[in-house]
C-alpha atoms as a PDB file:
ATOM      1  CA  MET A   1     -18.837 -16.322  11.162  1.00  0.00           C
ATOM      2  CA  ASP A   2     -16.747 -18.116   8.808  1.00  0.00           C
ATOM      3  CA  ARG A   3     -13.793 -16.138   7.345  1.00  0.00           C
ATOM      4  CA  ARG A   4     -14.804 -17.089   3.855  1.00  0.00           C
ATOM      5  CA  VAL A   5     -18.235 -15.685   4.246  1.00  0.00           C
ATOM      6  CA  VAL A   6     -16.779 -12.456   5.482  1.00  0.00           C
ATOM      7  CA  GLY A   7     -14.691 -12.377   2.333  1.00  0.00           C
ATOM      8  CA  VAL A   8     -17.438 -12.922  -0.025  1.00  0.00           C
ATOM      9  CA  VAL A   9     -19.305 -10.032   1.568  1.00  0.00           C
ATOM     10  CA  ALA A  10     -16.306  -7.907   1.407  1.00  0.00           C
ATOM     11  CA  LEU A  11     -15.998  -8.826  -2.363  1.00  0.00           C
ATOM     12  CA  VAL A  12     -19.492  -8.065  -3.001  1.00  0.00           C
ATOM     13  CA  ALA A  13     -19.231  -4.743  -1.116  1.00  0.00           C
ATOM     14  CA  ALA A  14     -16.117  -3.498  -3.007  1.00  0.00           C
ATOM     15  CA  VAL A  15     -18.044  -4.008  -6.349  1.00  0.00           C
ATOM     16  CA  PRO A  16     -20.478  -1.011  -6.032  1.00  0.00           C
ATOM     17  CA  LEU A  17     -18.069   1.039  -4.235  1.00  0.00           C
ATOM     18  CA  ALA A  18     -15.616   0.607  -7.114  1.00  0.00           C
ATOM     19  CA  VAL A  19     -18.242   1.458  -9.891  1.00  0.00           C
ATOM     20  CA  VAL A  20     -19.594   4.358  -7.977  1.00  0.00           C
ATOM     21  CA  ALA A  21     -16.105   5.949  -7.497  1.00  0.00           C
ATOM     22  CA  THR A  22     -15.714   5.942 -11.341  1.00  0.00           C
ATOM     23  CA  PHE A  23     -18.538   8.389 -11.614  1.00  0.00           C
ATOM     24  CA  LEU A  24     -17.461  10.723  -8.799  1.00  0.00           C
ATOM     25  CA  PRO A  25     -14.932  13.586  -9.593  1.00  0.00           C
ATOM     26  CA  LEU A  26     -11.208  12.727  -9.260  1.00  0.00           C
ATOM     27  CA  TYR A  27     -10.429  16.412  -9.030  1.00  0.00           C
ATOM     28  CA  GLU A  28     -12.198  19.702  -9.616  1.00  0.00           C
ATOM     29  CA  GLN A  29     -10.647  22.806 -11.196  1.00  0.00           C
ATOM     30  CA  VAL A  30     -11.536  26.349 -11.101  1.00  0.00           C
ATOM     31  CA  TRP A  31      -9.892  28.322 -13.984  1.00  0.00           C
ATOM     32  CA  ARG A  32      -9.940  32.024 -13.376  1.00  0.00           C
ATOM     33  CA  PHE A  33      -9.471  34.075 -16.412  1.00  0.00           C
ATOM     34  CA  SER A  34     -10.406  37.413 -14.607  1.00  0.00           C
ATOM     35  CA  PRO A  35     -11.468  38.320 -11.040  1.00  0.00           C
ATOM     36  CA  ASP A  36     -15.143  38.272 -12.482  1.00  0.00           C
ATOM     37  CA  GLY A  37     -14.991  35.427 -14.749  1.00  0.00           C
ATOM     38  CA  GLY A  38     -14.004  31.699 -14.904  1.00  0.00           C
ATOM     39  CA  MET A  39     -14.791  27.979 -15.696  1.00  0.00           C
ATOM     40  CA  ASP A  40     -15.335  24.995 -13.468  1.00  0.00           C
ATOM     41  CA  LEU A  41     -13.929  21.829 -14.609  1.00  0.00           C
ATOM     42  CA  ALA A  42     -14.629  18.247 -13.198  1.00  0.00           C
ATOM     43  CA  HIS A  43     -12.549  15.052 -14.261  1.00  0.00           C
ATOM     44  CA  THR A  44     -14.175  11.675 -13.312  1.00  0.00           C
ATOM     45  CA  SER A  45     -12.729   8.348 -14.657  1.00  0.00           C
ATOM     46  CA  TRP A  46     -14.980   8.667 -17.752  1.00  0.00           C
ATOM     47  CA  ALA A  47     -14.850  12.308 -18.897  1.00  0.00           C
ATOM     48  CA  VAL A  48     -13.828  15.832 -18.122  1.00  0.00           C
ATOM     49  CA  SER A  49     -16.666  18.166 -17.951  1.00  0.00           C
ATOM     50  CA  THR A  50     -17.052  22.002 -17.756  1.00  0.00           C
ATOM     51  CA  SER A  51     -19.477  23.935 -15.686  1.00  0.00           C
ATOM     52  CA  SER A  52     -21.448  24.789 -18.855  1.00  0.00           C
ATOM     53  CA  GLY A  53     -22.191  21.111 -19.701  1.00  0.00           C
ATOM     54  CA  GLY A  54     -19.734  20.375 -22.228  1.00  0.00           C
ATOM     55  CA  VAL A  55     -16.838  17.768 -22.561  1.00  0.00           C
ATOM     56  CA  PHE A  56     -13.605  19.481 -22.158  1.00  0.00           C
ATOM     57  CA  GLY A  57     -10.889  17.772 -24.299  1.00  0.00           C
ATOM     58  CA  ARG A  58     -11.120  14.073 -25.004  1.00  0.00           C
ATOM     59  CA  GLU A  59     -12.976  11.558 -23.048  1.00  0.00           C
ATOM     60  CA  ALA A  60     -10.961   9.797 -20.282  1.00  0.00           C
ATOM     61  CA  LEU A  61     -11.527   6.001 -20.054  1.00  0.00           C
ATOM     62  CA  TYR A  62      -9.712   5.295 -16.861  1.00  0.00           C
ATOM     63  CA  GLY A  63     -12.921   3.585 -15.464  1.00  0.00           C
ATOM     64  CA  VAL A  64     -12.574   0.455 -17.859  1.00  0.00           C
ATOM     65  CA  PRO A  65     -10.208  -1.484 -15.805  1.00  0.00           C
ATOM     66  CA  VAL A  66     -12.046  -0.618 -12.592  1.00  0.00           C
ATOM     67  CA  VAL A  67     -15.153  -2.182 -14.322  1.00  0.00           C
ATOM     68  CA  VAL A  68     -13.212  -5.030 -15.340  1.00  0.00           C
ATOM     69  CA  ALA A  69     -11.905  -5.512 -11.962  1.00  0.00           C
ATOM     70  CA  ALA A  70     -15.144  -5.132 -10.396  1.00  0.00           C
ATOM     71  CA  ALA A  71     -16.494  -7.934 -12.575  1.00  0.00           C
ATOM     72  CA  LEU A  72     -13.742 -10.193 -11.704  1.00  0.00           C
ATOM     73  CA  LEU A  73     -14.423  -9.456  -7.798  1.00  0.00           C
ATOM     74  CA  LEU A  74     -18.133 -10.437  -8.736  1.00  0.00           C
ATOM     75  CA  VAL A  75     -17.154 -13.687 -10.425  1.00  0.00           C
ATOM     76  CA  GLY A  76     -14.663 -14.653  -7.835  1.00  0.00           C
ATOM     77  CA  ALA A  77     -17.455 -14.060  -5.223  1.00  0.00           C
ATOM     78  CA  VAL A  78     -19.798 -16.270  -6.848  1.00  0.00           C
ATOM     79  CA  PHE A  79     -17.331 -19.043  -7.674  1.00  0.00           C
ATOM     80  CA  VAL A  80     -15.645 -18.876  -4.319  1.00  0.00           C
ATOM     81  CA  ARG A  81     -15.870 -22.527  -3.585  1.00  0.00           C
ATOM     82  CA  VAL A  82     -13.659 -23.363  -6.428  1.00  0.00           C
ATOM     83  CA  ARG A  83      -9.899 -22.730  -6.538  1.00  0.00           C
ATOM     84  CA  TRP A  84      -9.687 -20.672  -9.754  1.00  0.00           C
ATOM     85  CA  GLY A  85     -12.816 -18.541  -8.319  1.00  0.00           C
ATOM     86  CA  ARG A  86     -10.590 -17.663  -5.318  1.00  0.00           C
ATOM     87  CA  LEU A  87      -7.749 -16.874  -7.655  1.00  0.00           C
ATOM     88  CA  VAL A  88      -9.983 -14.655  -9.863  1.00  0.00           C
ATOM     89  CA  ALA A  89     -11.390 -12.974  -6.788  1.00  0.00           C
ATOM     90  CA  PHE A  90      -7.705 -11.926  -5.499  1.00  0.00           C
ATOM     91  CA  GLY A  91      -6.583 -11.099  -9.151  1.00  0.00           C
ATOM     92  CA  GLY A  92      -9.777  -8.738  -9.385  1.00  0.00           C
ATOM     93  CA  ALA A  93      -8.518  -7.064  -6.053  1.00  0.00           C
ATOM     94  CA  LEU A  94      -5.051  -6.554  -7.547  1.00  0.00           C
ATOM     95  CA  LEU A  95      -6.321  -5.223 -10.592  1.00  0.00           C
ATOM     96  CA  LEU A  96      -8.559  -2.856  -8.745  1.00  0.00           C
ATOM     97  CA  VAL A  97      -5.555  -1.666  -6.611  1.00  0.00           C
ATOM     98  CA  GLY A  98      -3.504  -1.196  -9.872  1.00  0.00           C
ATOM     99  CA  ALA A  99      -6.352   0.845 -11.707  1.00  0.00           C
ATOM    100  CA  ALA A 100      -7.012   2.856  -8.632  1.00  0.00           C
ATOM    101  CA  TRP A 101      -3.249   3.770  -8.360  1.00  0.00           C
ATOM    102  CA  ALA A 102      -3.033   4.912 -11.722  1.00  0.00           C
ATOM    103  CA  VAL A 103      -6.256   6.979 -11.437  1.00  0.00           C
ATOM    104  CA  ALA A 104      -5.048   8.417  -8.159  1.00  0.00           C
ATOM    105  CA  GLN A 105      -1.780   9.510  -9.811  1.00  0.00           C
ATOM    106  CA  LEU A 106      -3.517  11.371 -12.336  1.00  0.00           C
ATOM    107  CA  ALA A 107      -5.519  13.114  -9.568  1.00  0.00           C
ATOM    108  CA  PHE A 108      -2.417  13.968  -7.314  1.00  0.00           C
ATOM    109  CA  GLY A 109      -0.499  15.038 -10.591  1.00  0.00           C
ATOM    110  CA  VAL A 110      -2.571  18.161 -11.185  1.00  0.00           C
ATOM    111  CA  LEU A 111      -3.157  19.051  -7.538  1.00  0.00           C
ATOM    112  CA  GLY A 112      -1.894  22.485  -6.822  1.00  0.00           C
ATOM    113  CA  GLU A 113      -2.555  25.382  -4.750  1.00  0.00           C
ATOM    114  CA  GLY A 114      -3.750  28.209  -7.014  1.00  0.00           C
ATOM    115  CA  GLN A 115      -0.989  27.937  -9.555  1.00  0.00           C
ATOM    116  CA  PRO A 116      -0.665  31.047 -11.710  1.00  0.00           C
ATOM    117  CA  VAL A 117      -0.234  29.688 -15.263  1.00  0.00           C
ATOM    118  CA  GLY A 118      -0.315  33.020 -17.439  1.00  0.00           C
ATOM    119  CA  GLU A 119      -1.193  36.573 -17.332  1.00  0.00           C
ATOM    120  CA  GLY A 120      -4.690  36.795 -15.703  1.00  0.00           C
ATOM    121  CA  LEU A 121      -5.099  32.949 -15.678  1.00  0.00           C
ATOM    122  CA  THR A 122      -5.182  30.897 -12.161  1.00  0.00           C
ATOM    123  CA  ILE A 123      -6.087  27.345 -11.668  1.00  0.00           C
ATOM    124  CA  GLU A 124      -7.225  26.244  -8.306  1.00  0.00           C
ATOM    125  CA  THR A 125      -7.598  22.493  -8.082  1.00  0.00           C
ATOM    126  CA  GLU A 126      -9.218  20.452  -5.197  1.00  0.00           C
ATOM    127  CA  LEU A 127      -8.851  16.755  -4.855  1.00  0.00           C
ATOM    128  CA  GLY A 128     -12.415  14.932  -5.379  1.00  0.00           C
ATOM    129  CA  SER A 129     -14.185  12.405  -3.338  1.00  0.00           C
ATOM    130  CA  ALA A 130     -13.408   9.756  -6.010  1.00  0.00           C
ATOM    131  CA  VAL A 131      -9.999   9.067  -4.639  1.00  0.00           C
ATOM    132  CA  LEU A 132     -11.137   8.281  -1.121  1.00  0.00           C
ATOM    133  CA  VAL A 133     -13.894   6.001  -2.371  1.00  0.00           C
ATOM    134  CA  TYR A 134     -11.288   4.018  -4.650  1.00  0.00           C
ATOM    135  CA  GLY A 135      -8.988   3.681  -1.527  1.00  0.00           C
ATOM    136  CA  VAL A 136     -12.035   2.342   0.669  1.00  0.00           C
ATOM    137  CA  ALA A 137     -12.936   0.083  -2.380  1.00  0.00           C
ATOM    138  CA  CYS A 138      -9.228  -1.311  -2.702  1.00  0.00           C
ATOM    139  CA  LEU A 139      -9.118  -1.876   0.898  1.00  0.00           C
ATOM    140  CA  VAL A 140     -12.360  -3.677   1.157  1.00  0.00           C
ATOM    141  CA  ALA A 141     -11.460  -5.798  -2.084  1.00  0.00           C
ATOM    142  CA  VAL A 142      -7.966  -6.862  -0.817  1.00  0.00           C
ATOM    143  CA  VAL A 143      -9.342  -7.908   2.540  1.00  0.00           C
ATOM    144  CA  GLY A 144     -12.028  -9.744   0.888  1.00  0.00           C
ATOM    145  CA  GLY A 145      -9.605 -11.372  -1.673  1.00  0.00           C
ATOM    146  CA  VAL A 146      -7.422 -12.769   1.288  1.00  0.00           C
ATOM    147  CA  LEU A 147     -10.270 -13.859   3.401  1.00  0.00           C
ATOM    148  CA  VAL A 148     -11.591 -16.139   0.568  1.00  0.00           C
ATOM    149  CA  GLN A 149      -8.347 -17.969   0.138  1.00  0.00           C
ATOM    150  CA  GLU A 150      -7.983 -21.306   1.494  1.00  0.00           C
ATOM    151  CA  ARG A 151      -5.214 -22.244   3.956  1.00  0.00           C
ATOM    152  CA  VAL A 152      -2.956 -25.009   3.168  1.00  0.00           C
ATOM    153  CA  VAL A 153      -3.060 -27.606   5.732  1.00  0.00           C
ATOM    154  CA  ARG A 154      -0.377 -30.190   5.414  1.00  0.00           C
ATOM    155  CA  ALA A 155      -1.179 -33.627   6.925  1.00  0.00           C
ATOM    156  CA  ALA A 156       1.169 -34.534   9.818  1.00  0.00           C
ATOM    157  CA  PRO A 157       1.553 -38.345  10.496  1.00  0.00           C
ATOM    158  CA  GLU A 158       0.372 -39.607  13.945  1.00  0.00           C
ATOM    159  CA  GLY A 159       3.151 -41.477  15.874  1.00  0.00           C
ATOM    160  CA  PRO A 160       6.653 -42.106  14.887  1.00  0.00           C
ATOM    161  CA  VAL A 161       7.797 -42.226  11.223  1.00  0.00           C
ATOM    162  CA  VAL A 162      10.010 -45.036   9.864  1.00  0.00           C
ATOM    163  CA  TYR A 163      11.908 -44.606   6.639  1.00  0.00           C
ATOM    164  CA  ARG A 164      13.501 -47.737   5.451  1.00  0.00           C
ATOM    165  CA  VAL A 165      16.712 -47.681   3.539  1.00  0.00           C
ATOM    166  CA  ASP A 166      17.565 -50.279   0.648  1.00  0.00           C
ATOM    167  CA  GLU A 167      20.385 -52.743   1.220  1.00  0.00           C
ATOM    168  CA  ASP A 168      22.877 -51.254  -1.020  1.00  0.00           C
ATOM    169  CA  ASP A 169      22.890 -47.786   0.507  1.00  0.00           C
ATOM    170  CA  HIS A 170      26.037 -47.487   2.721  1.00  0.00           C
ATOM    171  CA  THR A 171      25.120 -44.105   4.267  1.00  0.00           C
ATOM    172  CA  PRO A 172      24.988 -44.389   8.239  1.00  0.00           C
ATOM    173  CA  PRO A 173      22.088 -43.581  10.091  1.00  0.00           C
ATOM    174  CA  PHE A 174      23.332 -39.992  10.867  1.00  0.00           C
ATOM    175  CA  GLY A 175      23.886 -39.219   7.078  1.00  0.00           C
ATOM    176  CA  LEU A 176      27.475 -38.672   6.404  1.00  0.00           C
ATOM    177  CA  ALA A 177      29.409 -41.674   4.797  1.00  0.00           C
ATOM    178  CA  LEU A 178      32.841 -42.185   6.444  1.00  0.00           C
ATOM    179  CA  PRO A 179      35.640 -42.285   3.721  1.00  0.00           C
ATOM    180  CA  PRO A 180      36.910 -45.778   3.198  1.00  0.00           C
ATOM    181  CA  GLY A 181      39.662 -46.960   5.286  1.00  0.00           C
ATOM    182  CA  GLY A 182      39.454 -44.743   8.388  1.00  0.00           C
ATOM    183  CA  SER A 183      37.466 -43.250  10.960  1.00  0.00           C
ATOM    184  CA  GLY A 184      37.670 -39.728   9.424  1.00  0.00           C
ATOM    185  CA  GLY A 185      39.808 -38.336  11.968  1.00  0.00           C
ATOM    186  CA  GLU A 186      43.015 -40.040  10.928  1.00  0.00           C
ATOM    187  CA  ARG A 187      45.194 -39.105   7.659  1.00  0.00           C
END
């Protein structure tokens, strides 16, 4: 199987992985106000939602660069025969890695082990499945972006190569001109 075909398949496979990862939870938190009551929180790349179904705080739009990267991967996979298409594919893979890195830093930043915040409030945080899916999507996209690139093959001449030097060039065949009036060893 041709390496470019494998690269295109990898690029196309990375697109749904990246888009699906935006809807999976980055982390899930349980806020315990008392031993009996609490609130569950789930943070995706688009919003922070609570167990009551409401949106907590503001909308998070971390999925926008991921969707742009997925679109670039798809465009690069379609136009892989053209040089700019291969560059777009590799740029999309790099954008996906950068966006996933930023999103993962958010998830790892809130990760903690039952942190007591105040009197009667404890927050337990678990890493969500989106971080793993982002990692797989990035790996597949970078492999695909590398495989679709074209190797530069330099043409090597067959047989001996002779270079002709003009008549007014006084450089000897070994490349170093001798100073005038001597062999170089006498002073």
